[in-house]
């Protein structure tokens, strides 16, 4: 418990005070608000702003500790800095890569056993005379001069900075043809990946062969950024407002975050034991054909059941849990792309998508369209009617009704 509330209730109590773009952003920012005594008192988590009692379980027994109010101002840049007075909530037998040299804006280490170069990029800003351009130039030189088989870029703690430094990072990776291949370049993202670092992640997605690992980011794909300060006319309070629109992807791309292809979440036990699930997922990664490429090959060979089983296994694999919600849209878009040249394969793919997501009205509507295009009009009407039944009076139902009318008028 935190003060008077169960932990989950206390977390929800501060939600109205927290600024965030998506749920990942709330997870990232919430703990900072739970440290501020005035917030705890205002939200009735405590009755006294001078102290808070924390109750916890240890070895199955309840214990408590009282924290007194202190004056403290955190001015760290990497999110990893700690003061001498802080206690470490993990074993001190080793330090995981992502926590080494916590004050450094960037950190690089070669792992000879796996021939991996690990790079932590924590702030999109120059560290005095230590520039981003120089750092990534050194990285490329090291890759070119040494036996490096893969690169891991860790930006899970990167909250942003100056967007105009991202070019130096991205072009360095593009130039390094040795590692800019699927299965050789991994980027670890997470709930602290935000703002200018979201722009960096966007650029990596668009221009490199990256595989994202970890948790979703805390920023929308297209978003407002770059704050400016305004003074409210009556209270005279100063507020920071995001005012500049950053659009790296299509205006219709409504994704609330970048999803990792390999999903890994760090538990407290992982943190305590210095285990990094993201690094473990990379070490255990088995290179495979991209999902859409493999599905196309199977469907064109008439192996429809094998294609469905493969897609279903992919969908239900815990490693892919963060791309689960995008899978329907991804397969649907691919089917429409190949519909221009291969109606039969496109129809098979849309049928597969319908089986994968049987509760989605859109999959029935899309499959019906493919049937209509290949001349199976009665079957098309059947699936349009199923789409209507699932969507009732929605947009998809409206479209399906129009298509049925068109078919019947031509009969």
Protein backbone atom coordinates (compact mmCIF):
# COMPACT_ATOMS: atom_id res chain seq x y z
CA UNK A 1 0.00 0.00 0.00
CA UNK A 2 0.98 3.61 -0.54
CA UNK A 3 -0.38 5.69 2.33
CA UNK A 4 -4.12 5.03 2.62
CA UNK A 5 -4.54 3.23 -0.71
CA UNK A 6 -3.68 -0.01 -2.37
CA UNK A 7 -0.91 0.54 -4.88
CA UNK A 8 -3.13 0.20 -7.96
CA UNK A 9 -5.67 2.65 -6.47
CA UNK A 10 -2.91 5.15 -5.70
CA UNK A 11 -1.66 4.88 -9.27
CA UNK A 12 -5.14 5.64 -10.60
CA UNK A 13 -5.56 8.48 -8.10
CA UNK A 14 -2.68 10.45 -9.67
CA UNK A 15 -3.74 9.71 -13.26
CA UNK A 16 -5.59 13.08 -13.67
CA UNK A 17 -2.35 14.89 -12.81
CA UNK A 18 -0.07 13.05 -15.25
CA UNK A 19 0.65 14.28 -18.78
CA UNK A 20 0.94 11.42 -21.26
CA UNK A 21 0.33 10.50 -24.90
CA UNK A 22 -0.54 6.84 -24.41
CA UNK A 23 -0.68 4.23 -21.65
CA UNK A 24 3.05 3.61 -21.94
CA UNK A 25 3.62 7.29 -21.20
CA UNK A 26 1.44 7.03 -18.11
CA UNK A 27 3.42 4.02 -16.88
CA UNK A 28 6.61 5.99 -17.43
CA UNK A 29 5.55 9.24 -15.75
CA UNK A 30 3.29 8.00 -12.95
CA UNK A 31 6.09 7.01 -10.50
CA UNK A 32 7.46 10.55 -10.52
CA UNK A 33 4.09 11.93 -9.41
CA UNK A 34 3.89 9.38 -6.62
CA UNK A 35 7.09 10.90 -5.19
CA UNK A 36 5.62 14.36 -4.67
CA UNK A 37 4.10 14.78 -1.17
CA UNK A 38 1.67 17.53 -2.20
CA UNK A 39 0.19 15.31 -4.91
CA UNK A 40 -0.20 12.42 -2.48
CA UNK A 41 -2.08 14.63 -0.02
CA UNK A 42 -4.20 16.35 -2.69
CA UNK A 43 -5.34 13.00 -4.10
CA UNK A 44 -6.10 11.64 -0.58
CA UNK A 45 -3.39 9.00 -0.83
CA UNK A 46 -1.97 10.41 2.41
CA UNK A 47 -3.42 12.72 5.04
CA UNK A 48 -0.06 14.30 5.81
CA UNK A 49 2.22 15.79 3.19
CA UNK A 50 5.21 15.50 5.52
CA UNK A 51 5.44 11.71 5.31
CA UNK A 52 4.08 8.60 3.62
CA UNK A 53 3.91 5.02 4.84
CA UNK A 54 4.64 2.22 2.36
CA UNK A 55 3.44 -1.29 3.23
CA UNK A 56 4.92 -4.22 1.32
CA UNK A 57 5.33 -7.97 1.40
CA UNK A 58 8.76 -9.54 1.86
CA UNK A 59 9.19 -13.28 2.11
CA UNK A 60 5.44 -13.57 2.61
CA UNK A 61 5.39 -11.20 5.58
CA UNK A 62 3.97 -7.69 5.70
CA UNK A 63 6.35 -4.88 6.56
CA UNK A 64 6.24 -1.11 6.36
CA UNK A 65 8.57 1.85 6.04
CA UNK A 66 7.90 5.56 6.61
CA UNK A 67 9.41 8.08 4.20
CA UNK A 68 9.82 11.63 5.46
CA UNK A 69 9.45 14.61 3.16
CA UNK A 70 12.76 15.99 1.88
CA UNK A 71 13.76 18.77 -0.49
CA UNK A 72 15.19 17.21 -3.60
CA UNK A 73 15.64 18.30 -7.20
CA UNK A 74 16.51 15.70 -9.83
CA UNK A 75 18.45 17.12 -12.74
CA UNK A 76 19.60 13.98 -14.54
CA UNK A 77 19.60 13.65 -18.32
CA UNK A 78 19.95 9.91 -18.94
CA UNK A 79 17.32 8.65 -16.49
CA UNK A 80 19.95 6.36 -14.99
CA UNK A 81 21.74 8.75 -12.65
CA UNK A 82 21.56 8.10 -8.90
CA UNK A 83 22.78 9.95 -5.83
CA UNK A 84 24.96 8.44 -3.12
CA UNK A 85 22.02 8.50 -0.70
CA UNK A 86 19.81 6.29 -2.88
CA UNK A 87 19.45 2.59 -2.17
CA UNK A 88 19.85 0.16 -5.05
CA UNK A 89 16.94 -2.23 -5.51
CA UNK A 90 19.00 -4.91 -7.25
CA UNK A 91 21.81 -7.32 -6.51
CA UNK A 92 25.23 -5.71 -6.61
CA UNK A 93 26.99 -8.77 -8.06
CA UNK A 94 26.97 -7.32 -11.57
CA UNK A 95 25.79 -4.36 -13.65
CA UNK A 96 23.67 -4.94 -16.75
CA UNK A 97 24.78 -3.25 -19.95
CA UNK A 98 21.91 -0.77 -20.01
CA UNK A 99 22.94 0.59 -16.59
CA UNK A 100 26.69 0.93 -17.13
CA UNK A 101 28.19 4.44 -16.93
CA UNK A 102 24.80 5.92 -15.99
CA UNK A 103 25.95 9.55 -16.33
CA UNK A 104 27.13 9.06 -19.91
CA UNK A 105 24.79 10.23 -22.66
CA UNK A 106 26.03 7.34 -24.78
CA UNK A 107 27.83 4.07 -24.02
CA UNK A 108 29.37 1.42 -26.29
CA UNK A 109 30.70 -2.06 -25.52
CA UNK A 110 31.80 -4.96 -27.71
CA UNK A 111 30.64 -8.45 -26.71
CA UNK A 112 33.19 -10.80 -28.31
CA UNK A 113 31.39 -14.08 -27.58
CA UNK A 114 28.37 -13.11 -29.68
CA UNK A 115 30.31 -10.69 -31.92
CA UNK A 116 27.79 -8.01 -30.92
CA UNK A 117 28.30 -4.29 -30.54
CA UNK A 118 26.01 -2.84 -27.87
CA UNK A 119 25.27 0.90 -27.99
CA UNK A 120 23.16 2.78 -25.44
CA UNK A 121 21.89 6.13 -26.75
CA UNK A 122 20.18 7.91 -23.83
CA UNK A 123 19.87 11.57 -24.86
CA UNK A 124 19.53 13.14 -28.32
CA UNK A 125 21.86 15.94 -27.38
CA UNK A 126 25.58 16.57 -27.52
CA UNK A 127 27.37 16.00 -24.22
CA UNK A 128 29.51 19.10 -24.26
CA UNK A 129 32.30 18.46 -26.74
CA UNK A 130 31.29 14.79 -26.99
CA UNK A 131 29.05 15.08 -30.03
CA UNK A 132 26.54 12.59 -31.38
CA UNK A 133 28.19 12.79 -34.81
CA UNK A 134 31.61 11.83 -33.41
CA UNK A 135 30.17 8.99 -31.33
CA UNK A 136 28.39 7.32 -34.23
CA UNK A 137 31.37 7.88 -36.52
CA UNK A 138 33.43 5.92 -33.98
CA UNK A 139 30.72 3.26 -33.93
CA UNK A 140 30.84 2.80 -37.72
CA UNK A 141 34.65 2.71 -37.70
CA UNK A 142 34.61 0.04 -35.00
CA UNK A 143 32.11 -2.08 -36.94
CA UNK A 144 34.15 -1.78 -40.14
CA UNK A 145 37.42 -2.63 -38.38
CA UNK A 146 36.25 -5.51 -36.17
CA UNK A 147 34.44 -8.83 -36.36
CA UNK A 148 30.96 -7.44 -35.63
CA UNK A 149 27.99 -9.61 -36.63
CA UNK A 150 25.19 -7.56 -35.12
CA UNK A 151 24.41 -4.15 -33.63
CA UNK A 152 22.11 -3.46 -30.69
CA UNK A 153 21.00 0.17 -30.31
CA UNK A 154 19.35 0.71 -26.93
CA UNK A 155 17.05 3.75 -26.71
CA UNK A 156 14.64 2.45 -24.07
CA UNK A 157 15.65 5.28 -21.70
CA UNK A 158 15.86 8.01 -24.36
CA UNK A 159 13.31 10.75 -23.68
CA UNK A 160 14.32 12.91 -26.63
CA UNK A 161 16.30 16.05 -27.26
CA UNK A 162 17.14 17.74 -30.54
CA UNK A 163 15.50 16.16 -33.61
CA UNK A 164 18.15 17.58 -35.90
CA UNK A 165 20.78 15.24 -34.43
CA UNK A 166 18.87 12.14 -35.57
CA UNK A 167 20.23 12.32 -39.11
CA UNK A 168 23.74 11.59 -37.83
CA UNK A 169 22.53 8.43 -36.10
CA UNK A 170 20.40 7.09 -38.94
CA UNK A 171 22.87 7.77 -41.75
CA UNK A 172 25.64 6.09 -39.74
CA UNK A 173 23.58 2.90 -39.55
CA UNK A 174 22.55 3.06 -43.22
CA UNK A 175 26.20 3.42 -44.23
CA UNK A 176 27.15 0.33 -42.25
CA UNK A 177 25.99 -2.26 -44.77
CA UNK A 178 27.70 -4.90 -42.68
CA UNK A 179 24.95 -4.75 -40.04
CA UNK A 180 22.03 -3.02 -41.77
CA UNK A 181 20.34 -6.34 -42.54
CA UNK A 182 17.31 -8.10 -41.06
CA UNK A 183 18.48 -10.09 -38.06
CA UNK A 184 21.69 -8.08 -37.63
CA UNK A 185 20.35 -4.75 -36.39
CA UNK A 186 18.16 -4.57 -33.29
CA UNK A 187 16.81 -1.53 -31.46
CA UNK A 188 15.55 -1.78 -27.87
CA UNK A 189 12.61 0.56 -27.20
CA UNK A 190 10.39 1.12 -24.18
CA UNK A 191 8.06 3.32 -22.17
CA UNK A 192 10.70 6.04 -21.83
CA UNK A 193 11.25 6.28 -25.61
CA UNK A 194 9.65 9.63 -26.31
CA UNK A 195 9.59 12.90 -28.27
CA UNK A 196 12.67 13.36 -30.49
CA UNK A 197 13.57 9.74 -29.88
CA UNK A 198 10.20 8.75 -31.38
CA UNK A 199 11.33 10.62 -34.48
CA UNK A 200 14.54 8.59 -34.41
CA UNK A 201 12.57 5.34 -34.08
CA UNK A 202 10.34 6.45 -36.98
CA UNK A 203 13.37 7.07 -39.18
CA UNK A 204 14.89 3.70 -38.28
CA UNK A 205 11.60 1.99 -39.17
CA UNK A 206 11.42 3.76 -42.53
CA UNK A 207 15.02 3.60 -43.69
CA UNK A 208 16.76 0.62 -42.04
CA UNK A 209 16.28 -3.13 -41.59
CA UNK A 210 15.74 -2.75 -37.84
CA UNK A 211 13.98 -5.23 -35.57
CA UNK A 212 12.43 -3.50 -32.54
CA UNK A 213 12.64 -5.26 -29.19
CA UNK A 214 11.17 -4.47 -25.76
CA UNK A 215 8.04 -2.50 -24.92
CA UNK A 216 6.00 -0.03 -27.00
CA UNK A 217 7.14 3.59 -27.04
CA UNK A 218 5.34 6.32 -25.10
CA UNK A 219 4.70 8.58 -28.08
CA UNK A 220 2.30 8.57 -31.01
CA UNK A 221 3.81 7.92 -34.45
CA UNK A 222 2.76 11.38 -35.66
CA UNK A 223 2.56 13.90 -32.83
CA UNK A 224 2.77 17.43 -31.48
CA UNK A 225 6.09 18.28 -29.84
CA UNK A 226 8.45 21.16 -29.03
CA UNK A 227 7.01 22.95 -26.01
CA UNK A 228 6.53 26.65 -25.52
CA UNK A 229 5.50 28.40 -22.31
CA UNK A 230 2.25 30.33 -22.03
CA UNK A 231 0.88 32.31 -19.06
CA UNK A 232 -2.78 31.72 -18.23
CA UNK A 233 -4.65 35.06 -18.21
CA UNK A 234 -6.45 34.76 -14.87
CA UNK A 235 -4.32 32.59 -12.59
CA UNK A 236 -1.05 33.77 -14.18
CA UNK A 237 0.19 30.20 -13.93
CA UNK A 238 2.71 29.18 -16.57
CA UNK A 239 2.02 26.09 -18.64
CA UNK A 240 4.06 24.28 -21.27
CA UNK A 241 2.27 23.50 -24.53
CA UNK A 242 3.33 21.23 -27.38
CA UNK A 243 2.74 23.23 -30.54
CA UNK A 244 4.80 21.84 -33.45
CA UNK A 245 3.28 19.01 -35.55
CA UNK A 246 5.73 16.23 -36.46
CA UNK A 247 4.47 13.92 -39.20
CA UNK A 248 6.98 11.25 -40.16
CA UNK A 249 4.40 8.82 -41.54
CA UNK A 250 1.23 8.96 -43.62
CA UNK A 251 -1.41 11.28 -42.14
CA UNK A 252 -3.72 8.25 -41.90
CA UNK A 253 -1.27 6.37 -39.68
CA UNK A 254 -3.04 6.52 -36.32
CA UNK A 255 -0.69 4.27 -34.36
CA UNK A 256 -0.40 5.33 -30.74
CA UNK A 257 3.13 3.93 -30.41
CA UNK A 258 5.82 1.90 -32.14
CA UNK A 259 5.31 -1.78 -31.36
CA UNK A 260 8.29 -4.10 -30.85
CA UNK A 261 8.40 -7.16 -33.07
CA UNK A 262 9.94 -9.02 -30.13
CA UNK A 263 7.99 -8.18 -26.96
CA UNK A 264 9.84 -8.27 -23.65
CA UNK A 265 8.78 -6.74 -20.34
CA UNK A 266 11.11 -6.42 -17.38
CA UNK A 267 9.69 -7.69 -14.08
CA UNK A 268 10.97 -6.61 -10.68
CA UNK A 269 12.61 -10.03 -10.29
CA UNK A 270 14.44 -9.43 -13.59
CA UNK A 271 15.60 -6.03 -12.39
CA UNK A 272 16.65 -7.36 -8.98
CA UNK A 273 18.65 -10.20 -10.52
CA UNK A 274 20.25 -8.02 -13.24
CA UNK A 275 18.43 -9.92 -16.00
CA UNK A 276 17.66 -8.05 -19.22
CA UNK A 277 14.82 -9.83 -21.10
CA UNK A 278 15.35 -7.63 -24.17
CA UNK A 279 18.97 -8.71 -24.55
CA UNK A 280 18.00 -12.35 -23.95
CA UNK A 281 15.36 -12.13 -26.73
CA UNK A 282 18.00 -10.81 -29.12
CA UNK A 283 20.48 -13.53 -28.19
CA UNK A 284 17.78 -16.18 -28.78
CA UNK A 285 16.49 -14.65 -32.01
CA UNK A 286 16.13 -17.10 -34.86
CA UNK A 287 16.30 -15.43 -38.24
CA UNK A 288 13.20 -16.13 -40.28
CA UNK A 289 11.47 -14.84 -43.35
CA UNK A 290 9.22 -11.82 -42.80
CA UNK A 291 5.64 -12.91 -42.12
CA UNK A 292 4.10 -11.40 -45.25
CA UNK A 293 6.80 -12.80 -47.53
CA UNK A 294 6.31 -16.30 -46.13
CA UNK A 295 2.51 -16.08 -46.32
CA UNK A 296 2.72 -15.01 -49.97
CA UNK A 297 4.98 -17.95 -50.80
CA UNK A 298 2.73 -20.48 -49.07
CA UNK A 299 -0.50 -19.14 -50.56
CA UNK A 300 0.92 -18.95 -54.08
CA UNK A 301 1.94 -22.61 -53.68
CA UNK A 302 -1.57 -23.56 -52.64
CA UNK A 303 -0.55 -24.35 -49.06
CA UNK A 304 -3.46 -22.46 -47.52
CA UNK A 305 -3.80 -24.49 -44.33
CA UNK A 306 -0.07 -24.29 -43.67
CA UNK A 307 -0.22 -20.52 -44.20
CA UNK A 308 -3.09 -20.16 -41.74
CA UNK A 309 -1.34 -22.29 -39.13
CA UNK A 310 1.85 -20.26 -39.49
CA UNK A 311 -0.03 -16.95 -39.17
CA UNK A 312 -2.04 -18.25 -36.22
CA UNK A 313 1.12 -19.40 -34.42
CA UNK A 314 2.69 -16.01 -35.12
CA UNK A 315 -0.37 -14.21 -33.75
CA UNK A 316 -0.42 -16.28 -30.54
CA UNK A 317 3.32 -16.16 -29.89
CA UNK A 318 3.91 -14.06 -26.71
CA UNK A 319 6.94 -12.49 -28.39
CA UNK A 320 4.57 -10.87 -30.91
CA UNK A 321 1.93 -9.73 -28.43
CA UNK A 322 2.49 -6.02 -29.11
CA UNK A 323 2.02 -6.39 -32.87
CA UNK A 324 -1.10 -8.54 -32.43
CA UNK A 325 -3.47 -5.59 -32.82
CA UNK A 326 -1.72 -4.44 -36.00
CA UNK A 327 -1.63 -7.87 -37.62
CA UNK A 328 -5.15 -7.69 -39.06
CA UNK A 329 -4.48 -4.31 -40.70
CA UNK A 330 -1.05 -5.44 -41.95
CA UNK A 331 -2.37 -8.60 -43.64
CA UNK A 332 -5.36 -6.71 -45.05
CA UNK A 333 -3.11 -4.03 -46.58
CA UNK A 334 -0.80 -6.65 -48.10
CA UNK A 335 -3.77 -8.46 -49.67
CA UNK A 336 -5.00 -5.26 -51.29
CA UNK A 337 -1.49 -4.56 -52.56
CA UNK A 338 -1.22 -7.89 -54.37
CA UNK A 339 -4.86 -7.75 -55.51
CA UNK A 340 -3.70 -5.65 -58.46
CA UNK A 341 -1.63 -8.52 -59.86
CA UNK A 342 -2.91 -11.73 -58.23
CA UNK A 343 -6.61 -11.79 -57.33
CA UNK A 344 -6.59 -15.45 -56.29
CA UNK A 345 -3.72 -15.16 -53.80
CA UNK A 346 -5.16 -11.91 -52.46
CA UNK A 347 -8.50 -13.66 -51.86
CA UNK A 348 -6.77 -16.52 -50.04
CA UNK A 349 -4.95 -14.02 -47.84
CA UNK A 350 -8.14 -12.15 -46.97
CA UNK A 351 -9.86 -15.45 -46.15
CA UNK A 352 -6.91 -16.28 -43.87
CA UNK A 353 -7.25 -12.88 -42.19
CA UNK A 354 -10.96 -13.51 -41.62
CA UNK A 355 -10.17 -16.81 -39.91
CA UNK A 356 -7.50 -15.18 -37.77
CA UNK A 357 -9.85 -12.37 -36.68
CA UNK A 358 -13.37 -13.83 -36.83
CA UNK A 359 -14.86 -11.04 -34.72
CA UNK A 360 -13.77 -8.28 -37.09
CA UNK A 361 -16.48 -7.07 -39.48
CA UNK A 362 -13.81 -5.56 -41.73
CA UNK A 363 -12.23 -8.95 -42.50
CA UNK A 364 -15.59 -10.25 -43.79
CA UNK A 365 -16.15 -7.11 -45.85
CA UNK A 366 -12.68 -7.34 -47.41
CA UNK A 367 -12.98 -11.04 -48.16
CA UNK A 368 -16.38 -10.44 -49.76
CA UNK A 369 -14.85 -7.81 -52.04
CA UNK A 370 -12.20 -10.26 -53.19
CA UNK A 371 -14.88 -12.86 -53.96
CA UNK A 372 -16.82 -10.26 -55.94
CA UNK A 373 -13.68 -9.42 -57.94
CA UNK A 374 -13.13 -13.03 -58.97
CA UNK A 375 -16.78 -13.46 -59.98
CA UNK A 376 -18.14 -15.39 -56.98
CA UNK A 377 -21.04 -13.01 -56.47
CA UNK A 378 -23.34 -15.20 -54.36
CA UNK A 379 -20.51 -16.02 -51.96
CA UNK A 380 -19.63 -12.32 -51.85
CA UNK A 381 -23.20 -11.47 -50.80
CA UNK A 382 -23.01 -14.13 -48.07
CA UNK A 383 -19.90 -12.60 -46.51
CA UNK A 384 -21.11 -9.04 -46.95
CA UNK A 385 -24.19 -10.06 -44.95
CA UNK A 386 -21.94 -11.52 -42.25
CA UNK A 387 -20.06 -8.22 -42.12
CA UNK A 388 -23.36 -6.37 -41.68
CA UNK A 389 -24.37 -8.72 -38.86
CA UNK A 390 -21.15 -7.96 -37.00
CA UNK A 391 -21.13 -4.21 -37.57
CA UNK A 392 -24.90 -3.54 -37.37
CA UNK A 393 -25.31 0.13 -38.32
CA UNK A 394 -21.65 1.08 -38.58
CA UNK A 395 -19.51 2.29 -41.48
CA UNK A 396 -18.55 -1.24 -42.59
CA UNK A 397 -22.19 -2.36 -42.57
CA UNK A 398 -23.10 0.64 -44.69
CA UNK A 399 -20.40 -0.22 -47.24
CA UNK A 400 -21.43 -3.89 -47.32
CA UNK A 401 -25.06 -2.95 -48.01
CA UNK A 402 -23.98 -0.74 -50.93
CA UNK A 403 -21.89 -3.55 -52.40
CA UNK A 404 -24.77 -6.03 -52.13
CA UNK A 405 -27.03 -3.56 -53.96
CA UNK A 406 -24.44 -3.20 -56.75
CA UNK A 407 -24.15 -6.96 -57.17
CA UNK A 408 -27.92 -7.50 -57.31
CA UNK A 409 -28.48 -4.68 -59.79
CA UNK A 410 -26.03 -6.33 -62.19
CA UNK A 411 -27.68 -9.76 -61.89
